[in-house]
Amino acid sequence: MNASTIVSNYLIYIFHYTFNAGIIPREIGDLVNLVILGVEMNQITGSIPISLFNMSSLQLVSLGRNNLKGSLPREIGNLTKLQFLYLYVYRFIGEIPKEIRNLVELEELNLGLNSFSGSLPMEIFNISRLRNIDLSFNDISAILLPNI
């Protein structure tokens, strides 16, 4: 078994200060068993590679306080085991994709301090485990009606 096979089959978490500047490599998608990706405050630039959104084993993604930009792709809906998503203090733009409704295990969502716009997909409120949502300092509109 070569080193890349060992890494892709057995690495289950990358946490804090791993990248320390630069970009998230496209090859991160090869880490098929990765469960936790937490690399906050690392001065990471560029955009999040689409390959990250095909890592179906991810349960926690925390990329807050980096210099990432771009939009949140529809492929976010592929992360069906995701429980915690922290993408705060970025320069994300555009709408939050409706595919976020596929994150049925999601418990916490923090997209605060970005430049998201448009309407909040109301299906997000059908995620029964979701207990915390932070969408502060975005330009998102939603009509929230009490459950009578």
N, C-alpha and C. Protein backbone atom coordinates (compact mmCIF):
# COMPACT_ATOMS: atom_id res chain seq x y z
N MET A 1 0.85 -1.17 0.00
CA MET A 1 0.00 0.00 0.00
C MET A 1 0.90 1.24 0.00
N ASN A 2 0.67 2.16 -0.93
CA ASN A 2 1.50 3.36 -0.99
C ASN A 2 0.98 4.44 -0.04
N ALA A 3 1.77 5.49 0.15
CA ALA A 3 1.45 6.53 1.13
C ALA A 3 0.15 7.25 0.79
N SER A 4 -0.12 7.51 -0.49
CA SER A 4 -1.34 8.23 -0.83
C SER A 4 -2.58 7.39 -0.54
N THR A 5 -2.48 6.07 -0.70
CA THR A 5 -3.59 5.18 -0.36
C THR A 5 -3.84 5.19 1.14
N ILE A 6 -2.78 5.15 1.91
CA ILE A 6 -2.91 5.19 3.36
C ILE A 6 -3.58 6.49 3.79
N VAL A 7 -3.11 7.61 3.25
CA VAL A 7 -3.69 8.91 3.62
C VAL A 7 -5.16 8.96 3.24
N SER A 8 -5.52 8.59 2.02
CA SER A 8 -6.91 8.73 1.58
C SER A 8 -7.83 7.75 2.29
N ASN A 9 -7.35 6.62 2.73
CA ASN A 9 -8.21 5.63 3.37
C ASN A 9 -8.28 5.75 4.88
N TYR A 10 -7.31 6.38 5.51
CA TYR A 10 -7.27 6.35 6.97
C TYR A 10 -7.27 7.71 7.65
N LEU A 11 -7.02 8.78 6.95
CA LEU A 11 -7.04 10.10 7.56
C LEU A 11 -8.48 10.49 7.82
N ILE A 12 -8.83 10.74 9.09
CA ILE A 12 -10.21 11.05 9.40
C ILE A 12 -10.41 12.49 9.84
N TYR A 13 -9.35 13.21 10.20
CA TYR A 13 -9.57 14.61 10.52
C TYR A 13 -8.33 15.46 10.25
N ILE A 14 -8.61 16.69 9.85
CA ILE A 14 -7.60 17.74 9.70
C ILE A 14 -8.13 18.88 10.53
N PHE A 15 -7.36 19.30 11.49
CA PHE A 15 -7.87 20.31 12.41
C PHE A 15 -6.82 21.35 12.72
N HIS A 16 -7.19 22.59 12.70
CA HIS A 16 -6.41 23.78 13.06
C HIS A 16 -4.98 23.83 12.51
N TYR A 17 -4.68 24.94 11.95
CA TYR A 17 -3.34 25.33 11.53
C TYR A 17 -2.64 24.33 10.63
N THR A 18 -3.38 23.58 9.88
CA THR A 18 -2.77 22.59 9.00
C THR A 18 -2.24 23.23 7.72
N PHE A 19 -3.00 24.12 7.12
CA PHE A 19 -2.58 24.72 5.86
C PHE A 19 -1.70 25.95 6.07
N ASN A 20 -2.07 26.80 7.02
CA ASN A 20 -1.32 28.01 7.35
C ASN A 20 -0.93 28.81 6.12
N ALA A 21 -1.91 29.29 5.41
CA ALA A 21 -1.80 30.13 4.21
C ALA A 21 -1.81 29.25 2.97
N GLY A 22 -2.09 29.87 1.85
CA GLY A 22 -2.17 29.15 0.59
C GLY A 22 -3.61 28.87 0.21
N ILE A 23 -3.83 27.79 -0.50
CA ILE A 23 -5.16 27.42 -0.97
C ILE A 23 -5.51 26.03 -0.45
N ILE A 24 -6.79 25.71 -0.52
CA ILE A 24 -7.20 24.34 -0.23
C ILE A 24 -7.00 23.57 -1.53
N PRO A 25 -6.16 22.55 -1.52
CA PRO A 25 -5.88 21.84 -2.77
C PRO A 25 -7.09 21.06 -3.27
N ARG A 26 -7.24 21.00 -4.57
CA ARG A 26 -8.31 20.24 -5.21
C ARG A 26 -8.27 18.78 -4.78
N GLU A 27 -7.09 18.27 -4.50
CA GLU A 27 -6.91 16.86 -4.14
C GLU A 27 -7.50 16.52 -2.76
N ILE A 28 -7.93 17.52 -2.02
CA ILE A 28 -8.54 17.23 -0.72
C ILE A 28 -9.73 16.29 -0.89
N GLY A 29 -10.36 16.33 -2.03
CA GLY A 29 -11.48 15.44 -2.32
C GLY A 29 -11.10 13.97 -2.34
N ASP A 30 -9.80 13.68 -2.43
CA ASP A 30 -9.34 12.29 -2.41
C ASP A 30 -9.39 11.69 -1.00
N LEU A 31 -9.57 12.52 0.00
CA LEU A 31 -9.62 12.04 1.38
C LEU A 31 -11.04 11.57 1.69
N VAL A 32 -11.39 10.44 1.14
CA VAL A 32 -12.77 9.97 1.13
C VAL A 32 -13.32 9.64 2.52
N ASN A 33 -12.47 9.39 3.49
CA ASN A 33 -12.93 9.06 4.84
C ASN A 33 -12.81 10.22 5.81
N LEU A 34 -12.49 11.40 5.31
CA LEU A 34 -12.33 12.55 6.18
C LEU A 34 -13.67 12.89 6.84
N VAL A 35 -13.65 13.03 8.16
CA VAL A 35 -14.85 13.30 8.94
C VAL A 35 -14.87 14.74 9.42
N ILE A 36 -13.71 15.28 9.80
CA ILE A 36 -13.60 16.63 10.35
C ILE A 36 -12.59 17.43 9.53
N LEU A 37 -13.02 18.57 9.04
CA LEU A 37 -12.12 19.51 8.38
C LEU A 37 -12.30 20.85 9.09
N GLY A 38 -11.33 21.20 9.92
CA GLY A 38 -11.41 22.45 10.67
C GLY A 38 -10.10 23.20 10.55
N VAL A 39 -10.06 24.15 9.66
CA VAL A 39 -8.84 24.93 9.44
C VAL A 39 -9.18 26.42 9.46
N GLU A 40 -9.58 26.88 10.63
CA GLU A 40 -9.93 28.28 10.79
C GLU A 40 -8.68 29.13 10.92
N MET A 41 -8.82 30.40 10.57
CA MET A 41 -7.75 31.40 10.74
C MET A 41 -6.40 30.95 10.19
N ASN A 42 -6.41 30.49 8.95
CA ASN A 42 -5.19 30.03 8.32
C ASN A 42 -4.76 30.87 7.13
N GLN A 43 -5.42 31.97 6.88
CA GLN A 43 -5.10 32.83 5.75
C GLN A 43 -5.21 32.10 4.41
N ILE A 44 -6.15 31.16 4.34
CA ILE A 44 -6.39 30.41 3.11
C ILE A 44 -7.09 31.33 2.12
N THR A 45 -6.66 31.32 0.88
CA THR A 45 -7.22 32.18 -0.16
C THR A 45 -7.89 31.34 -1.24
N GLY A 46 -8.48 32.02 -2.20
CA GLY A 46 -9.12 31.33 -3.31
C GLY A 46 -10.53 30.93 -2.98
N SER A 47 -10.99 29.88 -3.61
CA SER A 47 -12.33 29.38 -3.36
C SER A 47 -12.25 27.95 -2.82
N ILE A 48 -13.37 27.47 -2.33
CA ILE A 48 -13.42 26.09 -1.84
C ILE A 48 -13.56 25.18 -3.05
N PRO A 49 -12.65 24.22 -3.20
CA PRO A 49 -12.74 23.35 -4.38
C PRO A 49 -14.02 22.50 -4.36
N ILE A 50 -14.62 22.32 -5.52
CA ILE A 50 -15.84 21.52 -5.65
C ILE A 50 -15.61 20.12 -5.11
N SER A 51 -14.40 19.60 -5.22
CA SER A 51 -14.11 18.23 -4.75
C SER A 51 -14.42 18.06 -3.27
N LEU A 52 -14.33 19.14 -2.49
CA LEU A 52 -14.63 19.06 -1.07
C LEU A 52 -16.09 18.68 -0.84
N PHE A 53 -16.97 19.12 -1.73
CA PHE A 53 -18.40 18.87 -1.57
C PHE A 53 -18.81 17.48 -2.03
N ASN A 54 -17.85 16.67 -2.45
CA ASN A 54 -18.12 15.27 -2.79
C ASN A 54 -17.59 14.32 -1.73
N MET A 55 -17.14 14.87 -0.61
CA MET A 55 -16.59 14.06 0.49
C MET A 55 -17.74 13.69 1.42
N SER A 56 -18.45 12.63 1.08
CA SER A 56 -19.71 12.30 1.75
C SER A 56 -19.56 11.90 3.22
N SER A 57 -18.36 11.64 3.69
CA SER A 57 -18.17 11.25 5.08
C SER A 57 -18.02 12.45 6.02
N LEU A 58 -17.89 13.66 5.49
CA LEU A 58 -17.69 14.84 6.33
C LEU A 58 -18.86 15.06 7.28
N GLN A 59 -18.52 15.29 8.56
CA GLN A 59 -19.52 15.61 9.57
C GLN A 59 -19.35 17.02 10.11
N LEU A 60 -18.14 17.56 10.03
CA LEU A 60 -17.87 18.92 10.50
C LEU A 60 -16.96 19.61 9.50
N VAL A 61 -17.39 20.78 9.03
CA VAL A 61 -16.56 21.63 8.18
C VAL A 61 -16.51 22.99 8.85
N SER A 62 -15.30 23.41 9.21
CA SER A 62 -15.11 24.71 9.84
C SER A 62 -13.95 25.41 9.14
N LEU A 63 -14.30 26.37 8.30
CA LEU A 63 -13.31 27.10 7.52
C LEU A 63 -13.36 28.59 7.81
N GLY A 64 -13.88 28.95 8.95
CA GLY A 64 -14.09 30.35 9.29
C GLY A 64 -12.82 31.17 9.38
N ARG A 65 -12.99 32.45 9.14
CA ARG A 65 -11.95 33.46 9.27
C ARG A 65 -10.73 33.18 8.41
N ASN A 66 -10.98 32.89 7.16
CA ASN A 66 -9.93 32.78 6.16
C ASN A 66 -10.21 33.85 5.10
N ASN A 67 -9.54 33.79 4.00
CA ASN A 67 -9.74 34.77 2.93
C ASN A 67 -10.36 34.12 1.69
N LEU A 68 -11.25 33.17 1.93
CA LEU A 68 -11.91 32.49 0.83
C LEU A 68 -12.99 33.39 0.23
N LYS A 69 -13.32 33.15 -1.02
CA LYS A 69 -14.35 33.94 -1.69
C LYS A 69 -15.04 33.08 -2.71
N GLY A 70 -16.09 33.62 -3.27
CA GLY A 70 -16.86 32.90 -4.28
C GLY A 70 -18.26 32.64 -3.80
N SER A 71 -18.91 31.68 -4.40
CA SER A 71 -20.27 31.34 -4.02
C SER A 71 -20.29 29.95 -3.42
N LEU A 72 -21.35 29.67 -2.72
CA LEU A 72 -21.55 28.34 -2.14
C LEU A 72 -22.21 27.49 -3.21
N PRO A 73 -21.55 26.44 -3.68
CA PRO A 73 -22.09 25.68 -4.82
C PRO A 73 -23.26 24.78 -4.42
N ARG A 74 -24.05 24.41 -5.41
CA ARG A 74 -25.17 23.48 -5.20
C ARG A 74 -24.71 22.16 -4.62
N GLU A 75 -23.47 21.80 -4.89
CA GLU A 75 -22.92 20.52 -4.42
C GLU A 75 -22.88 20.42 -2.90
N ILE A 76 -23.12 21.53 -2.19
CA ILE A 76 -23.20 21.50 -0.73
C ILE A 76 -24.21 20.43 -0.30
N GLY A 77 -25.21 20.20 -1.11
CA GLY A 77 -26.24 19.21 -0.81
C GLY A 77 -25.75 17.77 -0.79
N ASN A 78 -24.54 17.53 -1.29
CA ASN A 78 -23.97 16.19 -1.29
C ASN A 78 -23.47 15.77 0.09
N LEU A 79 -23.29 16.72 0.99
CA LEU A 79 -22.71 16.43 2.31
C LEU A 79 -23.80 16.00 3.29
N THR A 80 -24.45 14.91 3.01
CA THR A 80 -25.64 14.49 3.76
C THR A 80 -25.35 14.05 5.19
N LYS A 81 -24.10 13.78 5.53
CA LYS A 81 -23.75 13.41 6.91
C LYS A 81 -23.29 14.61 7.73
N LEU A 82 -23.23 15.78 7.10
CA LEU A 82 -22.71 16.97 7.76
C LEU A 82 -23.60 17.39 8.93
N GLN A 83 -22.96 17.61 10.09
CA GLN A 83 -23.68 18.03 11.29
C GLN A 83 -23.38 19.48 11.65
N PHE A 84 -22.19 19.96 11.32
CA PHE A 84 -21.76 21.30 11.70
C PHE A 84 -21.09 21.96 10.50
N LEU A 85 -21.59 23.13 10.12
CA LEU A 85 -21.03 23.88 8.99
C LEU A 85 -20.76 25.30 9.44
N TYR A 86 -19.48 25.66 9.46
CA TYR A 86 -19.04 26.99 9.87
C TYR A 86 -18.26 27.63 8.73
N LEU A 87 -18.90 28.53 8.02
CA LEU A 87 -18.27 29.25 6.91
C LEU A 87 -18.47 30.75 7.14
N TYR A 88 -18.05 31.22 8.28
CA TYR A 88 -18.28 32.61 8.66
C TYR A 88 -17.05 33.47 8.36
N VAL A 89 -17.29 34.77 8.24
CA VAL A 89 -16.26 35.79 7.97
C VAL A 89 -15.50 35.45 6.68
N TYR A 90 -16.23 35.46 5.59
CA TYR A 90 -15.68 35.25 4.26
C TYR A 90 -16.12 36.38 3.36
N ARG A 91 -15.92 36.12 2.11
CA ARG A 91 -16.45 37.01 1.09
C ARG A 91 -17.34 36.22 0.15
N PHE A 92 -18.14 35.32 0.72
CA PHE A 92 -19.08 34.56 -0.10
C PHE A 92 -20.15 35.49 -0.63
N ILE A 93 -20.55 35.24 -1.86
CA ILE A 93 -21.57 36.06 -2.52
C ILE A 93 -22.65 35.15 -3.09
N GLY A 94 -23.73 35.74 -3.52
CA GLY A 94 -24.79 34.99 -4.16
C GLY A 94 -25.78 34.43 -3.17
N GLU A 95 -26.64 33.57 -3.66
CA GLU A 95 -27.68 33.00 -2.83
C GLU A 95 -27.20 31.73 -2.14
N ILE A 96 -27.84 31.43 -1.03
CA ILE A 96 -27.62 30.15 -0.37
C ILE A 96 -28.39 29.12 -1.19
N PRO A 97 -27.70 28.10 -1.69
CA PRO A 97 -28.39 27.16 -2.58
C PRO A 97 -29.47 26.36 -1.87
N LYS A 98 -30.56 26.11 -2.57
CA LYS A 98 -31.68 25.35 -1.99
C LYS A 98 -31.27 23.93 -1.64
N GLU A 99 -30.20 23.43 -2.22
CA GLU A 99 -29.73 22.07 -1.94
C GLU A 99 -29.25 21.91 -0.50
N ILE A 100 -29.13 23.02 0.21
CA ILE A 100 -28.74 22.95 1.62
C ILE A 100 -29.78 22.14 2.41
N ARG A 101 -30.97 22.03 1.86
CA ARG A 101 -32.03 21.24 2.52
C ARG A 101 -31.68 19.76 2.62
N ASN A 102 -30.72 19.30 1.81
CA ASN A 102 -30.31 17.90 1.84
C ASN A 102 -29.43 17.56 3.04
N LEU A 103 -29.02 18.57 3.79
CA LEU A 103 -28.15 18.34 4.95
C LEU A 103 -29.02 17.94 6.15
N VAL A 104 -29.60 16.79 6.08
CA VAL A 104 -30.61 16.35 7.05
C VAL A 104 -30.04 16.11 8.45
N GLU A 105 -28.73 15.96 8.58
CA GLU A 105 -28.10 15.74 9.88
C GLU A 105 -27.60 17.05 10.49
N LEU A 106 -27.76 18.16 9.79
CA LEU A 106 -27.20 19.44 10.21
C LEU A 106 -27.79 19.91 11.54
N GLU A 107 -26.89 20.26 12.48
CA GLU A 107 -27.28 20.77 13.79
C GLU A 107 -26.95 22.26 13.94
N GLU A 108 -25.82 22.68 13.37
CA GLU A 108 -25.40 24.08 13.48
C GLU A 108 -24.94 24.59 12.12
N LEU A 109 -25.40 25.80 11.79
CA LEU A 109 -25.06 26.45 10.53
C LEU A 109 -24.64 27.88 10.82
N ASN A 110 -23.40 28.23 10.48
CA ASN A 110 -22.93 29.59 10.67
C ASN A 110 -22.39 30.11 9.34
N LEU A 111 -23.16 30.99 8.73
CA LEU A 111 -22.76 31.65 7.49
C LEU A 111 -22.68 33.16 7.70
N GLY A 112 -22.52 33.57 8.94
CA GLY A 112 -22.51 34.98 9.28
C GLY A 112 -21.31 35.73 8.70
N LEU A 113 -21.48 37.04 8.57
CA LEU A 113 -20.43 37.94 8.09
C LEU A 113 -19.91 37.57 6.70
N ASN A 114 -20.85 37.38 5.79
CA ASN A 114 -20.55 37.14 4.39
C ASN A 114 -21.31 38.17 3.58
N SER A 115 -21.43 37.93 2.29
CA SER A 115 -22.22 38.80 1.42
C SER A 115 -23.26 38.00 0.68
N PHE A 116 -23.87 37.02 1.36
CA PHE A 116 -24.96 36.28 0.75
C PHE A 116 -26.13 37.22 0.51
N SER A 117 -26.91 36.93 -0.51
CA SER A 117 -28.06 37.76 -0.85
C SER A 117 -29.21 36.87 -1.28
N GLY A 118 -30.33 37.49 -1.54
CA GLY A 118 -31.49 36.74 -2.00
C GLY A 118 -32.33 36.23 -0.86
N SER A 119 -33.12 35.22 -1.15
CA SER A 119 -34.03 34.65 -0.17
C SER A 119 -33.42 33.43 0.49
N LEU A 120 -33.74 33.26 1.74
CA LEU A 120 -33.32 32.08 2.47
C LEU A 120 -34.20 30.91 2.03
N PRO A 121 -33.59 29.80 1.63
CA PRO A 121 -34.43 28.64 1.27
C PRO A 121 -35.22 28.18 2.49
N MET A 122 -36.53 28.29 2.42
CA MET A 122 -37.36 27.97 3.58
C MET A 122 -37.29 26.50 3.96
N GLU A 123 -36.88 25.64 3.04
CA GLU A 123 -36.75 24.22 3.35
C GLU A 123 -35.73 23.96 4.46
N ILE A 124 -34.87 24.94 4.71
CA ILE A 124 -33.87 24.79 5.76
C ILE A 124 -34.53 24.55 7.12
N PHE A 125 -35.75 25.06 7.27
CA PHE A 125 -36.44 24.91 8.54
C PHE A 125 -37.10 23.54 8.69
N ASN A 126 -37.01 22.72 7.66
CA ASN A 126 -37.50 21.34 7.75
C ASN A 126 -36.42 20.39 8.25
N ILE A 127 -35.22 20.88 8.44
CA ILE A 127 -34.14 20.04 8.97
C ILE A 127 -34.37 19.92 10.48
N SER A 128 -34.83 18.77 10.91
CA SER A 128 -35.31 18.61 12.29
C SER A 128 -34.21 18.75 13.34
N ARG A 129 -32.98 18.45 13.01
CA ARG A 129 -31.89 18.52 13.99
C ARG A 129 -31.29 19.92 14.11
N LEU A 130 -31.60 20.81 13.19
CA LEU A 130 -31.00 22.14 13.17
C LEU A 130 -31.44 22.95 14.38
N ARG A 131 -30.46 23.35 15.19
CA ARG A 131 -30.78 24.09 16.43
C ARG A 131 -30.17 25.48 16.46
N ASN A 132 -29.12 25.74 15.69
CA ASN A 132 -28.48 27.06 15.65
C ASN A 132 -28.24 27.48 14.21
N ILE A 133 -28.69 28.68 13.89
CA ILE A 133 -28.44 29.28 12.57
C ILE A 133 -27.92 30.69 12.80
N ASP A 134 -26.78 31.02 12.19
CA ASP A 134 -26.26 32.38 12.23
C ASP A 134 -26.08 32.85 10.80
N LEU A 135 -26.91 33.78 10.41
CA LEU A 135 -26.85 34.38 9.07
C LEU A 135 -26.61 35.88 9.18
N SER A 136 -26.08 36.31 10.31
CA SER A 136 -25.93 37.74 10.57
C SER A 136 -25.01 38.41 9.56
N PHE A 137 -25.30 39.68 9.33
CA PHE A 137 -24.50 40.54 8.44
C PHE A 137 -24.41 39.99 7.03
N ASN A 138 -25.52 39.55 6.50
CA ASN A 138 -25.70 39.18 5.11
C ASN A 138 -26.88 40.00 4.60
N ASP A 139 -27.18 39.88 3.33
CA ASP A 139 -28.32 40.59 2.75
C ASP A 139 -29.37 39.56 2.33
N ILE A 140 -29.80 38.77 3.31
CA ILE A 140 -30.74 37.68 3.06
C ILE A 140 -32.11 38.09 3.55
N SER A 141 -33.13 37.75 2.78
CA SER A 141 -34.49 38.04 3.20
C SER A 141 -35.23 36.73 3.45
N ALA A 142 -36.12 36.77 4.42
CA ALA A 142 -36.95 35.60 4.74
C ALA A 142 -38.18 36.11 5.47
N ILE A 143 -39.27 35.43 5.24
CA ILE A 143 -40.48 35.72 6.00
C ILE A 143 -40.66 34.57 6.98
N LEU A 144 -40.57 34.90 8.24
CA LEU A 144 -40.71 33.89 9.28
C LEU A 144 -42.06 34.08 9.95
N LEU A 145 -42.87 33.05 9.87
CA LEU A 145 -44.20 33.10 10.46
C LEU A 145 -44.25 32.18 11.67
N PRO A 146 -44.93 32.61 12.72
CA PRO A 146 -45.04 31.73 13.88
C PRO A 146 -45.87 30.50 13.56
N ASN A 147 -45.54 29.41 14.19
CA ASN A 147 -46.30 28.18 14.01
C ASN A 147 -47.51 28.22 14.93
N ILE A 148 -48.67 28.48 14.35
CA ILE A 148 -49.89 28.65 15.16
C ILE A 148 -50.72 27.38 15.11
